[in-house]
PDB file of all heavy atoms in Angstrom:
ATOM      1  N   GLY A   1    -133.731 -37.249 -72.605  1.00  0.00           N
ATOM      2  CA  GLY A   1    -133.949 -37.114 -71.171  1.00  0.00           C
ATOM      3  C   GLY A   1    -133.990 -38.427 -70.408  1.00  0.00           C
ATOM      4  O   GLY A   1    -134.134 -38.436 -69.197  1.00  0.00           O
ATOM      5  N   PHE A   2    -133.868 -39.569 -71.089  1.00  0.00           N
ATOM      6  CA  PHE A   2    -133.892 -40.874 -70.428  1.00  0.00           C
ATOM      7  C   PHE A   2    -132.635 -41.646 -70.802  1.00  0.00           C
ATOM      8  O   PHE A   2    -132.400 -41.940 -71.969  1.00  0.00           O
ATOM      9  CB  PHE A   2    -135.130 -41.683 -70.834  1.00  0.00           C
ATOM     10  CG  PHE A   2    -135.184 -43.043 -70.211  1.00  0.00           C
ATOM     11  CD1 PHE A   2    -135.473 -43.204 -68.869  1.00  0.00           C
ATOM     12  CD2 PHE A   2    -134.927 -44.175 -70.969  1.00  0.00           C
ATOM     13  CE1 PHE A   2    -135.518 -44.464 -68.290  1.00  0.00           C
ATOM     14  CE2 PHE A   2    -134.960 -45.434 -70.403  1.00  0.00           C
ATOM     15  CZ  PHE A   2    -135.257 -45.577 -69.064  1.00  0.00           C
ATOM     16  N   THR A   3    -131.822 -41.967 -69.786  1.00  0.00           N
ATOM     17  CA  THR A   3    -130.580 -42.698 -70.002  1.00  0.00           C
ATOM     18  C   THR A   3    -130.710 -44.099 -69.427  1.00  0.00           C
ATOM     19  O   THR A   3    -131.230 -44.285 -68.334  1.00  0.00           O
ATOM     20  CB  THR A   3    -129.409 -41.965 -69.328  1.00  0.00           C
ATOM     21  OG1 THR A   3    -129.343 -40.643 -69.852  1.00  0.00           O
ATOM     22  CG2 THR A   3    -128.097 -42.659 -69.589  1.00  0.00           C
ATOM     23  N   TYR A   4    -130.222 -45.084 -70.182  1.00  0.00           N
ATOM     24  CA  TYR A   4    -130.257 -46.478 -69.763  1.00  0.00           C
ATOM     25  C   TYR A   4    -128.829 -46.983 -69.627  1.00  0.00           C
ATOM     26  O   TYR A   4    -128.016 -46.818 -70.541  1.00  0.00           O
ATOM     27  CB  TYR A   4    -131.026 -47.321 -70.789  1.00  0.00           C
ATOM     28  CG  TYR A   4    -131.008 -48.793 -70.505  1.00  0.00           C
ATOM     29  CD1 TYR A   4    -131.762 -49.318 -69.465  1.00  0.00           C
ATOM     30  CD2 TYR A   4    -130.239 -49.660 -71.260  1.00  0.00           C
ATOM     31  CE1 TYR A   4    -131.761 -50.678 -69.193  1.00  0.00           C
ATOM     32  CE2 TYR A   4    -130.224 -51.017 -71.000  1.00  0.00           C
ATOM     33  CZ  TYR A   4    -130.986 -51.518 -69.968  1.00  0.00           C
ATOM     34  OH  TYR A   4    -130.976 -52.861 -69.689  1.00  0.00           O
ATOM     35  N   ALA A   5    -128.521 -47.574 -68.465  1.00  0.00           N
ATOM     36  CA  ALA A   5    -127.193 -48.143 -68.235  1.00  0.00           C
ATOM     37  C   ALA A   5    -127.182 -49.572 -68.784  1.00  0.00           C
ATOM     38  O   ALA A   5    -127.766 -50.476 -68.201  1.00  0.00           O
ATOM     39  CB  ALA A   5    -126.859 -48.126 -66.753  1.00  0.00           C
ATOM     40  N   TRP A   6    -126.503 -49.755 -69.905  1.00  0.00           N
ATOM     41  CA  TRP A   6    -126.459 -51.053 -70.588  1.00  0.00           C
ATOM     42  C   TRP A   6    -125.177 -51.766 -70.181  1.00  0.00           C
ATOM     43  O   TRP A   6    -124.073 -51.316 -70.491  1.00  0.00           O
ATOM     44  CB  TRP A   6    -126.505 -50.833 -72.097  1.00  0.00           C
ATOM     45  CG  TRP A   6    -126.509 -52.056 -72.923  1.00  0.00           C
ATOM     46  CD1 TRP A   6    -127.195 -53.207 -72.706  1.00  0.00           C
ATOM     47  CD2 TRP A   6    -125.796 -52.255 -74.155  1.00  0.00           C
ATOM     48  NE1 TRP A   6    -126.961 -54.107 -73.713  1.00  0.00           N
ATOM     49  CE2 TRP A   6    -126.106 -53.546 -74.610  1.00  0.00           C
ATOM     50  CE3 TRP A   6    -124.946 -51.461 -74.903  1.00  0.00           C
ATOM     51  CZ2 TRP A   6    -125.579 -54.062 -75.781  1.00  0.00           C
ATOM     52  CZ3 TRP A   6    -124.431 -51.979 -76.071  1.00  0.00           C
ATOM     53  CH2 TRP A   6    -124.753 -53.275 -76.498  1.00  0.00           C
ATOM     54  N   THR A   7    -125.319 -52.882 -69.472  1.00  0.00           N
ATOM     55  CA  THR A   7    -124.165 -53.669 -69.047  1.00  0.00           C
ATOM     56  C   THR A   7    -123.928 -54.788 -70.052  1.00  0.00           C
ATOM     57  O   THR A   7    -124.829 -55.578 -70.331  1.00  0.00           O
ATOM     58  CB  THR A   7    -124.388 -54.257 -67.644  1.00  0.00           C
ATOM     59  OG1 THR A   7    -124.618 -53.177 -66.733  1.00  0.00           O
ATOM     60  CG2 THR A   7    -123.188 -55.044 -67.185  1.00  0.00           C
ATOM     61  N   VAL A   8    -122.719 -54.835 -70.577  1.00  0.00           N
ATOM     62  CA  VAL A   8    -122.355 -55.828 -71.585  1.00  0.00           C
ATOM     63  C   VAL A   8    -121.292 -56.753 -70.998  1.00  0.00           C
ATOM     64  O   VAL A   8    -120.303 -56.293 -70.439  1.00  0.00           O
ATOM     65  CB  VAL A   8    -121.796 -55.146 -72.853  1.00  0.00           C
ATOM     66  CG1 VAL A   8    -121.403 -56.181 -73.887  1.00  0.00           C
ATOM     67  CG2 VAL A   8    -122.803 -54.171 -73.414  1.00  0.00           C
ATOM     68  N   THR A   9    -121.522 -58.050 -71.111  1.00  0.00           N
ATOM     69  CA  THR A   9    -120.543 -59.046 -70.691  1.00  0.00           C
ATOM     70  C   THR A   9    -120.185 -59.897 -71.898  1.00  0.00           C
ATOM     71  O   THR A   9    -121.062 -60.478 -72.532  1.00  0.00           O
ATOM     72  CB  THR A   9    -121.099 -59.932 -69.565  1.00  0.00           C
ATOM     73  OG1 THR A   9    -121.446 -59.098 -68.460  1.00  0.00           O
ATOM     74  CG2 THR A   9    -120.074 -60.954 -69.125  1.00  0.00           C
ATOM     75  N   THR A  10    -118.911 -59.948 -72.204  1.00  0.00           N
ATOM     76  CA  THR A  10    -118.421 -60.722 -73.337  1.00  0.00           C
ATOM     77  C   THR A  10    -117.485 -61.799 -72.809  1.00  0.00           C
ATOM     78  O   THR A  10    -116.583 -61.507 -72.034  1.00  0.00           O
ATOM     79  CB  THR A  10    -117.660 -59.815 -74.318  1.00  0.00           C
ATOM     80  OG1 THR A  10    -118.536 -58.795 -74.758  1.00  0.00           O
ATOM     81  CG2 THR A  10    -117.159 -60.590 -75.502  1.00  0.00           C
ATOM     82  N   SER A  11    -117.713 -63.030 -73.231  1.00  0.00           N
ATOM     83  CA  SER A  11    -116.853 -64.142 -72.845  1.00  0.00           C
ATOM     84  C   SER A  11    -116.264 -64.777 -74.090  1.00  0.00           C
ATOM     85  O   SER A  11    -116.992 -65.084 -75.038  1.00  0.00           O
ATOM     86  CB  SER A  11    -117.645 -65.186 -72.060  1.00  0.00           C
ATOM     87  OG  SER A  11    -118.129 -64.621 -70.867  1.00  0.00           O
ATOM     88  N   VAL A  12    -114.953 -64.970 -74.077  1.00  0.00           N
ATOM     89  CA  VAL A  12    -114.245 -65.537 -75.223  1.00  0.00           C
ATOM     90  C   VAL A  12    -113.397 -66.702 -74.735  1.00  0.00           C
ATOM     91  O   VAL A  12    -112.779 -66.630 -73.678  1.00  0.00           O
ATOM     92  CB  VAL A  12    -113.354 -64.462 -75.892  1.00  0.00           C
ATOM     93  CG1 VAL A  12    -112.510 -65.066 -76.980  1.00  0.00           C
ATOM     94  CG2 VAL A  12    -114.203 -63.344 -76.432  1.00  0.00           C
ATOM     95  N   ASP A  13    -113.395 -67.756 -75.518  1.00  0.00           N
ATOM     96  CA  ASP A  13    -112.611 -68.953 -75.208  1.00  0.00           C
ATOM     97  C   ASP A  13    -111.649 -69.177 -76.362  1.00  0.00           C
ATOM     98  O   ASP A  13    -112.065 -69.375 -77.498  1.00  0.00           O
ATOM     99  CB  ASP A  13    -113.552 -70.144 -75.052  1.00  0.00           C
ATOM    100  CG  ASP A  13    -112.831 -71.461 -74.874  1.00  0.00           C
ATOM    101  OD1 ASP A  13    -111.615 -71.457 -74.637  1.00  0.00           O
ATOM    102  OD2 ASP A  13    -113.497 -72.505 -74.970  1.00  0.00           O
ATOM    103  N   GLY A  14    -110.367 -69.101 -76.075  1.00  0.00           N
ATOM    104  CA  GLY A  14    -109.363 -69.337 -77.104  1.00  0.00           C
ATOM    105  C   GLY A  14    -108.674 -70.664 -76.865  1.00  0.00           C
ATOM    106  O   GLY A  14    -108.145 -70.914 -75.790  1.00  0.00           O
ATOM    107  N   TYR A  15    -108.706 -71.530 -77.858  1.00  0.00           N
ATOM    108  CA  TYR A  15    -108.075 -72.848 -77.766  1.00  0.00           C
ATOM    109  C   TYR A  15    -106.853 -72.847 -78.664  1.00  0.00           C
ATOM    110  O   TYR A  15    -106.951 -72.573 -79.861  1.00  0.00           O
ATOM    111  CB  TYR A  15    -109.057 -73.933 -78.199  1.00  0.00           C
ATOM    112  CG  TYR A  15    -108.503 -75.324 -78.084  1.00  0.00           C
ATOM    113  CD1 TYR A  15    -108.372 -75.933 -76.852  1.00  0.00           C
ATOM    114  CD2 TYR A  15    -108.117 -76.038 -79.211  1.00  0.00           C
ATOM    115  CE1 TYR A  15    -107.872 -77.214 -76.731  1.00  0.00           C
ATOM    116  CE2 TYR A  15    -107.614 -77.324 -79.110  1.00  0.00           C
ATOM    117  CZ  TYR A  15    -107.490 -77.903 -77.865  1.00  0.00           C
ATOM    118  OH  TYR A  15    -106.992 -79.177 -77.747  1.00  0.00           O
ATOM    119  N   THR A  16    -105.706 -73.120 -78.087  1.00  0.00           N
ATOM    120  CA  THR A  16    -104.479 -73.117 -78.874  1.00  0.00           C
ATOM    121  C   THR A  16    -103.711 -74.415 -78.653  1.00  0.00           C
ATOM    122  O   THR A  16    -103.647 -74.936 -77.540  1.00  0.00           O
ATOM    123  CB  THR A  16    -103.566 -71.947 -78.480  1.00  0.00           C
ATOM    124  OG1 THR A  16    -103.353 -71.981 -77.072  1.00  0.00           O
ATOM    125  CG2 THR A  16    -104.169 -70.629 -78.872  1.00  0.00           C
ATOM    126  N   VAL A  17    -103.166 -74.926 -79.715  1.00  0.00           N
ATOM    127  CA  VAL A  17    -102.363 -76.144 -79.662  1.00  0.00           C
ATOM    128  C   VAL A  17    -101.060 -75.865 -80.390  1.00  0.00           C
ATOM    129  O   VAL A  17    -101.048 -75.316 -81.488  1.00  0.00           O
ATOM    130  CB  VAL A  17    -103.097 -77.320 -80.338  1.00  0.00           C
ATOM    131  CG1 VAL A  17    -102.236 -78.558 -80.315  1.00  0.00           C
ATOM    132  CG2 VAL A  17    -104.421 -77.589 -79.660  1.00  0.00           C
ATOM    133  N   ARG A  18     -99.960 -76.230 -79.785  1.00  0.00           N
ATOM    134  CA  ARG A  18     -98.655 -76.069 -80.410  1.00  0.00           C
ATOM    135  C   ARG A  18     -98.453 -77.215 -81.392  1.00  0.00           C
ATOM    136  O   ARG A  18     -98.695 -78.368 -81.075  1.00  0.00           O
ATOM    137  CB  ARG A  18     -97.567 -76.101 -79.325  1.00  0.00           C
ATOM    138  CG  ARG A  18     -96.175 -75.839 -79.855  1.00  0.00           C
ATOM    139  CD  ARG A  18     -95.155 -75.852 -78.727  1.00  0.00           C
ATOM    140  NE  ARG A  18     -95.078 -77.138 -78.043  1.00  0.00           N
ATOM    141  CZ  ARG A  18     -94.334 -78.167 -78.448  1.00  0.00           C
ATOM    142  NH1 ARG A  18     -93.611 -78.061 -79.546  1.00  0.00           N
ATOM    143  NH2 ARG A  18     -94.306 -79.281 -77.771  1.00  0.00           N
ATOM    144  N   PRO A  19     -98.011 -76.926 -82.602  1.00  0.00           N
ATOM    145  CA  PRO A  19     -97.765 -77.985 -83.567  1.00  0.00           C
ATOM    146  C   PRO A  19     -96.675 -78.944 -83.061  1.00  0.00           C
ATOM    147  O   PRO A  19     -95.747 -78.545 -82.364  1.00  0.00           O
ATOM    148  CB  PRO A  19     -97.288 -77.261 -84.820  1.00  0.00           C
ATOM    149  CG  PRO A  19     -97.595 -75.845 -84.615  1.00  0.00           C
ATOM    150  CD  PRO A  19     -97.736 -75.614 -83.156  1.00  0.00           C
ATOM    151  N   GLN A  20     -96.801 -80.181 -83.434  1.00  0.00           N
ATOM    152  CA  GLN A  20     -95.820 -81.179 -83.037  1.00  0.00           C
ATOM    153  C   GLN A  20     -94.522 -80.957 -83.811  1.00  0.00           C
ATOM    154  O   GLN A  20     -94.530 -80.688 -85.004  1.00  0.00           O
ATOM    155  CB  GLN A  20     -96.358 -82.585 -83.329  1.00  0.00           C
ATOM    156  CG  GLN A  20     -95.507 -83.684 -82.767  1.00  0.00           C
ATOM    157  CD  GLN A  20     -96.157 -85.038 -82.959  1.00  0.00           C
ATOM    158  OE1 GLN A  20     -96.972 -85.208 -83.848  1.00  0.00           O
ATOM    159  NE2 GLN A  20     -95.796 -85.980 -82.119  1.00  0.00           N
ATOM    160  N   THR A  21     -93.406 -81.091 -83.113  1.00  0.00           N
ATOM    161  CA  THR A  21     -92.087 -80.912 -83.742  1.00  0.00           C
ATOM    162  C   THR A  21     -91.341 -82.239 -83.704  1.00  0.00           C
ATOM    163  O   THR A  21     -91.751 -83.189 -83.044  1.00  0.00           O
ATOM    164  CB  THR A  21     -91.270 -79.827 -83.025  1.00  0.00           C
ATOM    165  OG1 THR A  21     -91.042 -80.251 -81.676  1.00  0.00           O
ATOM    166  CG2 THR A  21     -91.981 -78.484 -83.036  1.00  0.00           C
ATOM    167  N   ALA A  22     -90.221 -82.280 -84.383  1.00  0.00           N
ATOM    168  CA  ALA A  22     -89.415 -83.496 -84.413  1.00  0.00           C
ATOM    169  C   ALA A  22     -88.894 -83.857 -83.039  1.00  0.00           C
ATOM    170  O   ALA A  22     -88.815 -85.047 -82.676  1.00  0.00           O
ATOM    171  CB  ALA A  22     -88.252 -83.340 -85.392  1.00  0.00           C
ATOM    172  N   SER A  23     -88.552 -82.869 -82.219  1.00  0.00           N
ATOM    173  CA  SER A  23     -88.045 -83.158 -80.881  1.00  0.00           C
ATOM    174  C   SER A  23     -89.124 -83.763 -79.989  1.00  0.00           C
ATOM    175  O   SER A  23     -88.806 -84.462 -79.034  1.00  0.00           O
ATOM    176  CB  SER A  23     -87.451 -81.916 -80.240  1.00  0.00           C
ATOM    177  OG  SER A  23     -88.472 -80.948 -80.060  1.00  0.00           O
ATOM    178  N   ASP A  24     -90.398 -83.546 -80.293  1.00  0.00           N
ATOM    179  CA  ASP A  24     -91.474 -84.178 -79.544  1.00  0.00           C
ATOM    180  C   ASP A  24     -91.513 -85.686 -79.833  1.00  0.00           C
ATOM    181  O   ASP A  24     -91.804 -86.484 -78.952  1.00  0.00           O
ATOM    182  CB  ASP A  24     -92.828 -83.562 -79.885  1.00  0.00           C
ATOM    183  CG  ASP A  24     -92.942 -82.130 -79.438  1.00  0.00           C
ATOM    184  OD1 ASP A  24     -92.235 -81.740 -78.487  1.00  0.00           O
ATOM    185  OD2 ASP A  24     -93.745 -81.384 -80.048  1.00  0.00           O
ATOM    186  N   VAL A  25     -91.213 -86.062 -81.062  1.00  0.00           N
ATOM    187  CA  VAL A  25     -91.278 -87.466 -81.465  1.00  0.00           C
ATOM    188  C   VAL A  25     -89.981 -88.193 -81.109  1.00  0.00           C
ATOM    189  O   VAL A  25     -89.992 -89.284 -80.522  1.00  0.00           O
ATOM    190  CB  VAL A  25     -91.548 -87.584 -82.982  1.00  0.00           C
ATOM    191  CG1 VAL A  25     -91.551 -89.020 -83.421  1.00  0.00           C
ATOM    192  CG2 VAL A  25     -92.866 -86.904 -83.326  1.00  0.00           C
ATOM    193  N   ILE A  26     -88.848 -87.592 -81.455  1.00  0.00           N
ATOM    194  CA  ILE A  26     -87.553 -88.239 -81.257  1.00  0.00           C
ATOM    195  C   ILE A  26     -87.083 -88.101 -79.813  1.00  0.00           C
ATOM    196  O   ILE A  26     -86.467 -89.003 -79.262  1.00  0.00           O
ATOM    197  CB  ILE A  26     -86.498 -87.650 -82.220  1.00  0.00           C
ATOM    198  CG1 ILE A  26     -86.943 -87.879 -83.656  1.00  0.00           C
ATOM    199  CG2 ILE A  26     -85.131 -88.221 -81.966  1.00  0.00           C
ATOM    200  CD1 ILE A  26     -86.113 -87.132 -84.669  1.00  0.00           C
ATOM    201  N   GLY A  27     -87.353 -86.982 -79.225  1.00  0.00           N
ATOM    202  CA  GLY A  27     -86.879 -86.715 -77.878  1.00  0.00           C
ATOM    203  C   GLY A  27     -85.703 -85.777 -77.924  1.00  0.00           C
ATOM    204  O   GLY A  27     -85.070 -85.583 -78.969  1.00  0.00           O
ATOM    205  N   PRO A  28     -85.351 -85.192 -76.796  1.00  0.00           N
ATOM    206  CA  PRO A  28     -84.229 -84.256 -76.780  1.00  0.00           C
ATOM    207  C   PRO A  28     -82.903 -84.979 -76.952  1.00  0.00           C
ATOM    208  O   PRO A  28     -82.752 -86.135 -76.564  1.00  0.00           O
ATOM    209  CB  PRO A  28     -84.327 -83.601 -75.409  1.00  0.00           C
ATOM    210  CG  PRO A  28     -85.127 -84.538 -74.582  1.00  0.00           C
ATOM    211  CD  PRO A  28     -86.009 -85.318 -75.502  1.00  0.00           C
ATOM    212  N   ARG A  29     -81.955 -84.325 -77.520  1.00  0.00           N
ATOM    213  CA  ARG A  29     -80.634 -84.916 -77.755  1.00  0.00           C
ATOM    214  C   ARG A  29     -79.737 -84.729 -76.615  1.00  0.00           C
ATOM    215  O   ARG A  29     -79.588 -83.964 -75.857  1.00  0.00           O
ATOM    216  CB  ARG A  29     -80.019 -84.325 -79.002  1.00  0.00           C
ATOM    217  CG  ARG A  29     -80.757 -84.777 -80.205  1.00  0.00           C
ATOM    218  CD  ARG A  29     -80.005 -84.356 -81.424  1.00  0.00           C
ATOM    219  NE  ARG A  29     -80.216 -85.429 -82.384  1.00  0.00           N
ATOM    220  CZ  ARG A  29     -79.437 -85.681 -83.374  1.00  0.00           C
ATOM    221  NH1 ARG A  29     -78.367 -84.967 -83.551  1.00  0.00           N
ATOM    222  NH2 ARG A  29     -79.703 -86.633 -84.212  1.00  0.00           N
TER     223      ARG A  29
END
């Protein structure tokens, strides 16, 4: 007979880095 409104807040932080490739070091052709 008793209902409780439970508010949930979820925060996620995703950190992504692209691996270095040969074209990053040498440069485009």
